[in-house]
PDB file of all heavy atoms in Angstrom:
ATOM      1  N   ALA A   1      55.178 -19.498 -11.632  1.00  0.00           N
ATOM      2  CA  ALA A   1      56.375 -19.991 -10.968  1.00  0.00           C
ATOM      3  C   ALA A   1      56.823 -21.344 -11.516  1.00  0.00           C
ATOM      4  O   ALA A   1      57.924 -21.803 -11.207  1.00  0.00           O
ATOM      5  CB  ALA A   1      56.126 -20.112  -9.457  1.00  0.00           C
ATOM      6  N   PHE A   2      55.977 -21.967 -12.332  1.00  0.00           N
ATOM      7  CA  PHE A   2      56.288 -23.298 -12.857  1.00  0.00           C
ATOM      8  C   PHE A   2      56.504 -23.311 -14.362  1.00  0.00           C
ATOM      9  O   PHE A   2      57.184 -24.189 -14.878  1.00  0.00           O
ATOM     10  CB  PHE A   2      55.148 -24.271 -12.502  1.00  0.00           C
ATOM     11  CG  PHE A   2      55.092 -24.618 -11.046  1.00  0.00           C
ATOM     12  CD1 PHE A   2      54.405 -23.814 -10.152  1.00  0.00           C
ATOM     13  CD2 PHE A   2      55.749 -25.738 -10.555  1.00  0.00           C
ATOM     14  CE1 PHE A   2      54.345 -24.123  -8.806  1.00  0.00           C
ATOM     15  CE2 PHE A   2      55.712 -26.057  -9.208  1.00  0.00           C
ATOM     16  CZ  PHE A   2      55.012 -25.247  -8.333  1.00  0.00           C
ATOM     17  N   TYR A   3      55.908 -22.362 -15.055  1.00  0.00           N
ATOM     18  CA  TYR A   3      55.975 -22.371 -16.514  1.00  0.00           C
ATOM     19  C   TYR A   3      56.673 -21.111 -17.012  1.00  0.00           C
ATOM     20  O   TYR A   3      56.070 -20.253 -17.656  1.00  0.00           O
ATOM     21  CB  TYR A   3      54.564 -22.517 -17.101  1.00  0.00           C
ATOM     22  CG  TYR A   3      53.866 -23.768 -16.617  1.00  0.00           C
ATOM     23  CD1 TYR A   3      52.843 -23.714 -15.670  1.00  0.00           C
ATOM     24  CD2 TYR A   3      54.259 -25.026 -17.094  1.00  0.00           C
ATOM     25  CE1 TYR A   3      52.215 -24.866 -15.226  1.00  0.00           C
ATOM     26  CE2 TYR A   3      53.641 -26.188 -16.649  1.00  0.00           C
ATOM     27  CZ  TYR A   3      52.618 -26.100 -15.706  1.00  0.00           C
ATOM     28  OH  TYR A   3      52.010 -27.257 -15.267  1.00  0.00           O
ATOM     29  N   HIS A   4      57.974 -21.033 -16.690  1.00  0.00           N
ATOM     30  CA  HIS A   4      58.771 -19.853 -17.051  1.00  0.00           C
ATOM     31  C   HIS A   4      58.909 -19.671 -18.561  1.00  0.00           C
ATOM     32  O   HIS A   4      59.159 -18.568 -19.038  1.00  0.00           O
ATOM     33  CB  HIS A   4      60.182 -19.954 -16.445  1.00  0.00           C
ATOM     34  CG  HIS A   4      60.196 -20.092 -14.950  1.00  0.00           C
ATOM     35  ND1 HIS A   4      59.878 -19.057 -14.111  1.00  0.00           N
ATOM     36  CD2 HIS A   4      60.480 -21.154 -14.152  1.00  0.00           C
ATOM     37  CE1 HIS A   4      59.973 -19.464 -12.850  1.00  0.00           C
ATOM     38  NE2 HIS A   4      60.323 -20.733 -12.848  1.00  0.00           N
ATOM     39  N   ASP A   5      58.747 -20.771 -19.296  1.00  0.00           N
ATOM     40  CA  ASP A   5      58.969 -20.701 -20.739  1.00  0.00           C
ATOM     41  C   ASP A   5      57.767 -20.132 -21.499  1.00  0.00           C
ATOM     42  O   ASP A   5      57.750 -20.142 -22.730  1.00  0.00           O
ATOM     43  CB  ASP A   5      59.303 -22.091 -21.294  1.00  0.00           C
ATOM     44  CG  ASP A   5      58.205 -23.100 -21.043  1.00  0.00           C
ATOM     45  OD1 ASP A   5      57.399 -22.884 -20.115  1.00  0.00           O
ATOM     46  OD2 ASP A   5      58.151 -24.110 -21.775  1.00  0.00           O
ATOM     47  N   SER A   6      56.758 -19.629 -20.770  1.00  0.00           N
ATOM     48  CA  SER A   6      55.611 -19.037 -21.464  1.00  0.00           C
ATOM     49  C   SER A   6      55.122 -17.776 -20.747  1.00  0.00           C
ATOM     50  O   SER A   6      53.929 -17.513 -20.682  1.00  0.00           O
ATOM     51  CB  SER A   6      54.463 -20.049 -21.587  1.00  0.00           C
ATOM     52  OG  SER A   6      54.081 -20.537 -20.314  1.00  0.00           O
ATOM     53  N   THR A   7      56.082 -17.011 -20.227  1.00  0.00           N
ATOM     54  CA  THR A   7      55.716 -15.769 -19.531  1.00  0.00           C
ATOM     55  C   THR A   7      56.232 -14.521 -20.237  1.00  0.00           C
ATOM     56  O   THR A   7      55.947 -13.409 -19.793  1.00  0.00           O
ATOM     57  CB  THR A   7      56.249 -15.773 -18.082  1.00  0.00           C
ATOM     58  OG1 THR A   7      57.664 -15.979 -18.101  1.00  0.00           O
ATOM     59  CG2 THR A   7      55.581 -16.859 -17.240  1.00  0.00           C
ATOM     60  N   ASP A   8      56.972 -14.703 -21.324  1.00  0.00           N
ATOM     61  CA  ASP A   8      57.470 -13.556 -22.079  1.00  0.00           C
ATOM     62  C   ASP A   8      56.376 -13.087 -23.040  1.00  0.00           C
ATOM     63  O   ASP A   8      56.182 -13.651 -24.108  1.00  0.00           O
ATOM     64  CB  ASP A   8      58.735 -13.941 -22.852  1.00  0.00           C
ATOM     65  CG  ASP A   8      59.336 -12.762 -23.620  1.00  0.00           C
ATOM     66  OD1 ASP A   8      58.744 -11.657 -23.585  1.00  0.00           O
ATOM     67  OD2 ASP A   8      60.380 -12.945 -24.267  1.00  0.00           O
ATOM     68  N   ILE A   9      55.667 -12.039 -22.649  1.00  0.00           N
ATOM     69  CA  ILE A   9      54.508 -11.606 -23.430  1.00  0.00           C
ATOM     70  C   ILE A   9      54.903 -10.955 -24.753  1.00  0.00           C
ATOM     71  O   ILE A   9      54.056 -10.743 -25.615  1.00  0.00           O
ATOM     72  CB  ILE A   9      53.620 -10.644 -22.620  1.00  0.00           C
ATOM     73  CG1 ILE A   9      54.395  -9.375 -22.254  1.00  0.00           C
ATOM     74  CG2 ILE A   9      53.077 -11.326 -21.383  1.00  0.00           C
ATOM     75  CD1 ILE A   9      53.521  -8.311 -21.613  1.00  0.00           C
ATOM     76  N   SER A  10      56.178 -10.648 -24.940  1.00  0.00           N
ATOM     77  CA  SER A  10      56.624 -10.058 -26.211  1.00  0.00           C
ATOM     78  C   SER A  10      56.849 -11.116 -27.287  1.00  0.00           C
ATOM     79  O   SER A  10      57.030 -10.780 -28.457  1.00  0.00           O
ATOM     80  CB  SER A  10      57.926  -9.268 -26.001  1.00  0.00           C
ATOM     81  OG  SER A  10      58.986 -10.131 -25.627  1.00  0.00           O
ATOM     82  N   ASP A  11      56.817 -12.391 -26.893  1.00  0.00           N
ATOM     83  CA  ASP A  11      57.052 -13.498 -27.816  1.00  0.00           C
ATOM     84  C   ASP A  11      55.715 -14.139 -28.189  1.00  0.00           C
ATOM     85  O   ASP A  11      55.066 -14.759 -27.338  1.00  0.00           O
ATOM     86  CB  ASP A  11      57.962 -14.535 -27.153  1.00  0.00           C
ATOM     87  CG  ASP A  11      58.343 -15.680 -28.084  1.00  0.00           C
ATOM     88  OD1 ASP A  11      57.673 -15.855 -29.122  1.00  0.00           O
ATOM     89  OD2 ASP A  11      59.302 -16.409 -27.754  1.00  0.00           O
ATOM     90  N   PRO A  12      55.273 -14.010 -29.447  1.00  0.00           N
ATOM     91  CA  PRO A  12      53.980 -14.582 -29.852  1.00  0.00           C
ATOM     92  C   PRO A  12      53.868 -16.079 -29.582  1.00  0.00           C
ATOM     93  O   PRO A  12      52.793 -16.573 -29.228  1.00  0.00           O
ATOM     94  CB  PRO A  12      53.914 -14.283 -31.357  1.00  0.00           C
ATOM     95  CG  PRO A  12      54.809 -13.100 -31.548  1.00  0.00           C
ATOM     96  CD  PRO A  12      55.920 -13.279 -30.550  1.00  0.00           C
ATOM     97  N   ARG A  13      54.979 -16.799 -29.757  1.00  0.00           N
ATOM     98  CA  ARG A  13      54.947 -18.243 -29.529  1.00  0.00           C
ATOM     99  C   ARG A  13      54.713 -18.554 -28.047  1.00  0.00           C
ATOM    100  O   ARG A  13      53.947 -19.442 -27.702  1.00  0.00           O
ATOM    101  CB  ARG A  13      56.256 -18.877 -30.005  1.00  0.00           C
ATOM    102  CG  ARG A  13      56.357 -20.387 -29.755  1.00  0.00           C
ATOM    103  CD  ARG A  13      55.201 -21.157 -30.368  1.00  0.00           C
ATOM    104  NE  ARG A  13      55.294 -22.587 -30.088  1.00  0.00           N
ATOM    105  CZ  ARG A  13      54.251 -23.407 -30.108  1.00  0.00           C
ATOM    106  NH1 ARG A  13      53.038 -22.941 -30.389  1.00  0.00           N
ATOM    107  NH2 ARG A  13      54.416 -24.691 -29.859  1.00  0.00           N
ATOM    108  N   GLN A  14      55.359 -17.799 -27.159  1.00  0.00           N
ATOM    109  CA  GLN A  14      55.155 -18.012 -25.734  1.00  0.00           C
ATOM    110  C   GLN A  14      53.725 -17.652 -25.326  1.00  0.00           C
ATOM    111  O   GLN A  14      53.129 -18.305 -24.463  1.00  0.00           O
ATOM    112  CB  GLN A  14      56.175 -17.217 -24.917  1.00  0.00           C
ATOM    113  CG  GLN A  14      57.590 -17.745 -25.016  1.00  0.00           C
ATOM    114  CD  GLN A  14      58.471 -17.285 -23.871  1.00  0.00           C
ATOM    115  OE1 GLN A  14      58.004 -17.050 -22.756  1.00  0.00           O
ATOM    116  NE2 GLN A  14      59.767 -17.168 -24.132  1.00  0.00           N
ATOM    117  N   ARG A  15      53.163 -16.617 -25.948  1.00  0.00           N
ATOM    118  CA  ARG A  15      51.777 -16.259 -25.652  1.00  0.00           C
ATOM    119  C   ARG A  15      50.842 -17.406 -26.055  1.00  0.00           C
ATOM    120  O   ARG A  15      49.885 -17.727 -25.341  1.00  0.00           O
ATOM    121  CB  ARG A  15      51.373 -14.976 -26.396  1.00  0.00           C
ATOM    122  CG  ARG A  15      52.127 -13.737 -25.927  1.00  0.00           C
ATOM    123  CD  ARG A  15      51.361 -12.459 -26.252  1.00  0.00           C
ATOM    124  NE  ARG A  15      51.114 -12.262 -27.668  1.00  0.00           N
ATOM    125  CZ  ARG A  15      51.890 -11.557 -28.477  1.00  0.00           C
ATOM    126  NH1 ARG A  15      53.008 -11.001 -28.009  1.00  0.00           N
ATOM    127  NH2 ARG A  15      51.581 -11.406 -29.752  1.00  0.00           N
ATOM    128  N   GLU A  16      51.135 -18.031 -27.202  1.00  0.00           N
ATOM    129  CA  GLU A  16      50.311 -19.140 -27.656  1.00  0.00           C
ATOM    130  C   GLU A  16      50.421 -20.336 -26.716  1.00  0.00           C
ATOM    131  O   GLU A  16      49.414 -20.968 -26.374  1.00  0.00           O
ATOM    132  CB  GLU A  16      50.739 -19.549 -29.075  1.00  0.00           C
ATOM    133  CG  GLU A  16      49.888 -20.677 -29.651  1.00  0.00           C
ATOM    134  CD  GLU A  16      50.347 -21.083 -31.040  1.00  0.00           C
ATOM    135  OE1 GLU A  16      51.565 -21.232 -31.253  1.00  0.00           O
ATOM    136  OE2 GLU A  16      49.481 -21.251 -31.913  1.00  0.00           O
ATOM    137  N   ILE A  17      51.644 -20.631 -26.273  1.00  0.00           N
ATOM    138  CA  ILE A  17      51.845 -21.757 -25.353  1.00  0.00           C
ATOM    139  C   ILE A  17      51.109 -21.510 -24.039  1.00  0.00           C
ATOM    140  O   ILE A  17      50.446 -22.407 -23.495  1.00  0.00           O
ATOM    141  CB  ILE A  17      53.353 -21.973 -25.093  1.00  0.00           C
ATOM    142  CG1 ILE A  17      54.046 -22.471 -26.364  1.00  0.00           C
ATOM    143  CG2 ILE A  17      53.566 -22.966 -23.950  1.00  0.00           C
ATOM    144  CD1 ILE A  17      55.560 -22.524 -26.263  1.00  0.00           C
ATOM    145  N   ALA A  18      51.203 -20.289 -23.523  1.00  0.00           N
ATOM    146  CA  ALA A  18      50.509 -19.945 -22.276  1.00  0.00           C
ATOM    147  C   ALA A  18      49.004 -20.093 -22.449  1.00  0.00           C
ATOM    148  O   ALA A  18      48.302 -20.591 -21.549  1.00  0.00           O
ATOM    149  CB  ALA A  18      50.869 -18.524 -21.857  1.00  0.00           C
ATOM    150  N   SER A  19      48.497 -19.681 -23.608  1.00  0.00           N
ATOM    151  CA  SER A  19      47.064 -19.789 -23.880  1.00  0.00           C
ATOM    152  C   SER A  19      46.619 -21.243 -23.874  1.00  0.00           C
ATOM    153  O   SER A  19      45.605 -21.605 -23.257  1.00  0.00           O
ATOM    154  CB  SER A  19      46.737 -19.149 -25.235  1.00  0.00           C
ATOM    155  OG  SER A  19      47.068 -17.779 -25.245  1.00  0.00           O
ATOM    156  N   HIS A  20      47.361 -22.090 -24.558  1.00  0.00           N
ATOM    157  CA  HIS A  20      47.027 -23.513 -24.593  1.00  0.00           C
ATOM    158  C   HIS A  20      47.099 -24.130 -23.203  1.00  0.00           C
ATOM    159  O   HIS A  20      46.226 -24.936 -22.830  1.00  0.00           O
ATOM    160  CB  HIS A  20      47.977 -24.249 -25.543  1.00  0.00           C
ATOM    161  CG  HIS A  20      47.777 -23.901 -26.984  1.00  0.00           C
ATOM    162  ND1 HIS A  20      48.726 -24.144 -27.954  1.00  0.00           N
ATOM    163  CD2 HIS A  20      46.735 -23.310 -27.630  1.00  0.00           C
ATOM    164  CE1 HIS A  20      48.270 -23.734 -29.123  1.00  0.00           C
ATOM    165  NE2 HIS A  20      47.061 -23.218 -28.953  1.00  0.00           N
ATOM    166  N   ARG A  21      48.105 -23.765 -22.455  1.00  0.00           N
ATOM    167  CA  ARG A  21      48.250 -24.327 -21.107  1.00  0.00           C
ATOM    168  C   ARG A  21      47.070 -23.948 -20.211  1.00  0.00           C
ATOM    169  O   ARG A  21      46.545 -24.772 -19.463  1.00  0.00           O
ATOM    170  CB  ARG A  21      49.565 -23.854 -20.482  1.00  0.00           C
ATOM    171  CG  ARG A  21      50.773 -24.629 -20.968  1.00  0.00           C
ATOM    172  CD  ARG A  21      52.067 -24.066 -20.421  1.00  0.00           C
ATOM    173  NE  ARG A  21      53.185 -24.971 -20.709  1.00  0.00           N
ATOM    174  CZ  ARG A  21      54.452 -24.619 -20.693  1.00  0.00           C
ATOM    175  NH1 ARG A  21      54.792 -23.362 -20.430  1.00  0.00           N
ATOM    176  NH2 ARG A  21      55.391 -25.505 -20.955  1.00  0.00           N
ATOM    177  N   LEU A  22      46.657 -22.701 -20.276  1.00  0.00           N
ATOM    178  CA  LEU A  22      45.563 -22.251 -19.428  1.00  0.00           C
ATOM    179  C   LEU A  22      44.258 -22.950 -19.785  1.00  0.00           C
ATOM    180  O   LEU A  22      43.517 -23.398 -18.902  1.00  0.00           O
ATOM    181  CB  LEU A  22      45.417 -20.735 -19.524  1.00  0.00           C
ATOM    182  CG  LEU A  22      46.441 -19.951 -18.695  1.00  0.00           C
ATOM    183  CD1 LEU A  22      46.574 -18.515 -19.177  1.00  0.00           C
ATOM    184  CD2 LEU A  22      46.026 -19.973 -17.216  1.00  0.00           C
ATOM    185  N   ILE A  23      43.964 -23.056 -21.082  1.00  0.00           N
ATOM    186  CA  ILE A  23      42.736 -23.743 -21.497  1.00  0.00           C
ATOM    187  C   ILE A  23      42.783 -25.218 -21.087  1.00  0.00           C
ATOM    188  O   ILE A  23      41.795 -25.783 -20.608  1.00  0.00           O
ATOM    189  CB  ILE A  23      42.536 -23.619 -23.015  1.00  0.00           C
ATOM    190  CG1 ILE A  23      42.274 -22.162 -23.392  1.00  0.00           C
ATOM    191  CG2 ILE A  23      41.374 -24.496 -23.487  1.00  0.00           C
ATOM    192  CD1 ILE A  23      42.273 -21.906 -24.890  1.00  0.00           C
ATOM    193  N   ALA A  24      43.941 -25.848 -21.256  1.00  0.00           N
ATOM    194  CA  ALA A  24      44.075 -27.273 -20.970  1.00  0.00           C
ATOM    195  C   ALA A  24      44.054 -27.583 -19.484  1.00  0.00           C
ATOM    196  O   ALA A  24      43.443 -28.571 -19.054  1.00  0.00           O
ATOM    197  CB  ALA A  24      45.374 -27.798 -21.590  1.00  0.00           C
ATOM    198  N   LYS A  25      44.694 -26.758 -18.693  1.00  0.00           N
ATOM    199  CA  LYS A  25      44.889 -27.075 -17.277  1.00  0.00           C
ATOM    200  C   LYS A  25      43.798 -26.531 -16.353  1.00  0.00           C
ATOM    201  O   LYS A  25      43.676 -26.974 -15.210  1.00  0.00           O
ATOM    202  CB  LYS A  25      46.262 -26.573 -16.821  1.00  0.00           C
ATOM    203  CG  LYS A  25      47.419 -27.199 -17.589  1.00  0.00           C
ATOM    204  CD  LYS A  25      48.766 -26.663 -17.156  1.00  0.00           C
ATOM    205  CE  LYS A  25      49.875 -27.099 -18.118  1.00  0.00           C
ATOM    206  NZ  LYS A  25      49.976 -28.546 -18.290  1.00  0.00           N
ATOM    207  N   MET A  26      42.990 -25.587 -16.832  1.00  0.00           N
ATOM    208  CA  MET A  26      41.974 -25.006 -15.959  1.00  0.00           C
ATOM    209  C   MET A  26      40.956 -26.041 -15.470  1.00  0.00           C
ATOM    210  O   MET A  26      40.576 -26.021 -14.290  1.00  0.00           O
ATOM    211  CB  MET A  26      41.280 -23.843 -16.667  1.00  0.00           C
ATOM    212  CG  MET A  26      40.549 -22.923 -15.716  1.00  0.00           C
ATOM    213  SD  MET A  26      41.636 -22.052 -14.555  1.00  0.00           S
ATOM    214  CE  MET A  26      42.333 -20.810 -15.636  1.00  0.00           C
ATOM    215  N   PRO A  27      40.473 -26.981 -16.319  1.00  0.00           N
ATOM    216  CA  PRO A  27      39.570 -28.011 -15.789  1.00  0.00           C
ATOM    217  C   PRO A  27      40.227 -28.868 -14.717  1.00  0.00           C
ATOM    218  O   PRO A  27      39.578 -29.248 -13.729  1.00  0.00           O
ATOM    219  CB  PRO A  27      39.233 -28.855 -17.030  1.00  0.00           C
ATOM    220  CG  PRO A  27      39.482 -27.951 -18.181  1.00  0.00           C
ATOM    221  CD  PRO A  27      40.646 -27.089 -17.780  1.00  0.00           C
ATOM    222  N   THR A  28      41.496 -29.171 -14.885  1.00  0.00           N
ATOM    223  CA  THR A  28      42.219 -29.973 -13.900  1.00  0.00           C
ATOM    224  C   THR A  28      42.318 -29.226 -12.575  1.00  0.00           C
ATOM    225  O   THR A  28      42.070 -29.799 -11.504  1.00  0.00           O
ATOM    226  CB  THR A  28      43.633 -30.311 -14.420  1.00  0.00           C
ATOM    227  OG1 THR A  28      43.534 -30.877 -15.727  1.00  0.00           O
ATOM    228  CG2 THR A  28      44.338 -31.272 -13.493  1.00  0.00           C
ATOM    229  N   ILE A  29      42.638 -27.946 -12.637  1.00  0.00           N
ATOM    230  CA  ILE A  29      42.758 -27.134 -11.426  1.00  0.00           C
ATOM    231  C   ILE A  29      41.411 -26.995 -10.727  1.00  0.00           C
ATOM    232  O   ILE A  29      41.306 -27.131  -9.500  1.00  0.00           O
ATOM    233  CB  ILE A  29      43.350 -25.754 -11.771  1.00  0.00           C
ATOM    234  CG1 ILE A  29      44.806 -25.903 -12.225  1.00  0.00           C
ATOM    235  CG2 ILE A  29      43.263 -24.792 -10.582  1.00  0.00           C
ATOM    236  CD1 ILE A  29      45.411 -24.637 -12.786  1.00  0.00           C
ATOM    237  N   ALA A  30      40.346 -26.747 -11.512  1.00  0.00           N
ATOM    238  CA  ALA A  30      39.013 -26.607 -10.918  1.00  0.00           C
ATOM    239  C   ALA A  30      38.559 -27.912 -10.278  1.00  0.00           C
ATOM    240  O   ALA A  30      37.997 -27.910  -9.168  1.00  0.00           O
ATOM    241  CB  ALA A  30      38.007 -26.170 -11.992  1.00  0.00           C
ATOM    242  N   ALA A  31      38.797 -29.033 -10.953  1.00  0.00           N
ATOM    243  CA  ALA A  31      38.406 -30.334 -10.414  1.00  0.00           C
ATOM    244  C   ALA A  31      39.201 -30.661  -9.154  1.00  0.00           C
ATOM    245  O   ALA A  31      38.654 -31.206  -8.181  1.00  0.00           O
ATOM    246  CB  ALA A  31      38.605 -31.421 -11.470  1.00  0.00           C
ATOM    247  N   MET A  32      40.484 -30.330  -9.151  1.00  0.00           N
ATOM    248  CA  MET A  32      41.306 -30.579  -7.964  1.00  0.00           C
ATOM    249  C   MET A  32      40.853 -29.719  -6.790  1.00  0.00           C
ATOM    250  O   MET A  32      40.852 -30.170  -5.634  1.00  0.00           O
ATOM    251  CB  MET A  32      42.780 -30.329  -8.279  1.00  0.00           C
ATOM    252  CG  MET A  32      43.378 -31.360  -9.233  1.00  0.00           C
ATOM    253  SD  MET A  32      45.076 -30.986  -9.723  1.00  0.00           S
ATOM    254  CE  MET A  32      45.955 -31.357  -8.195  1.00  0.00           C
ATOM    255  N   ALA A  33      40.451 -28.483  -7.068  1.00  0.00           N
ATOM    256  CA  ALA A  33      39.931 -27.613  -6.004  1.00  0.00           C
ATOM    257  C   ALA A  33      38.678 -28.231  -5.394  1.00  0.00           C
ATOM    258  O   ALA A  33      38.466 -28.193  -4.174  1.00  0.00           O
ATOM    259  CB  ALA A  33      39.633 -26.222  -6.562  1.00  0.00           C
TER     260      ALA A  33
END
């Protein structure tokens, strides 16, 4: 709902951006939880 620019799975670049975001933000989300 926040990162609309990386949800188009048919676009390789958007898939890469989503991948980077998930790896980068998961520690932040886990720590905040």
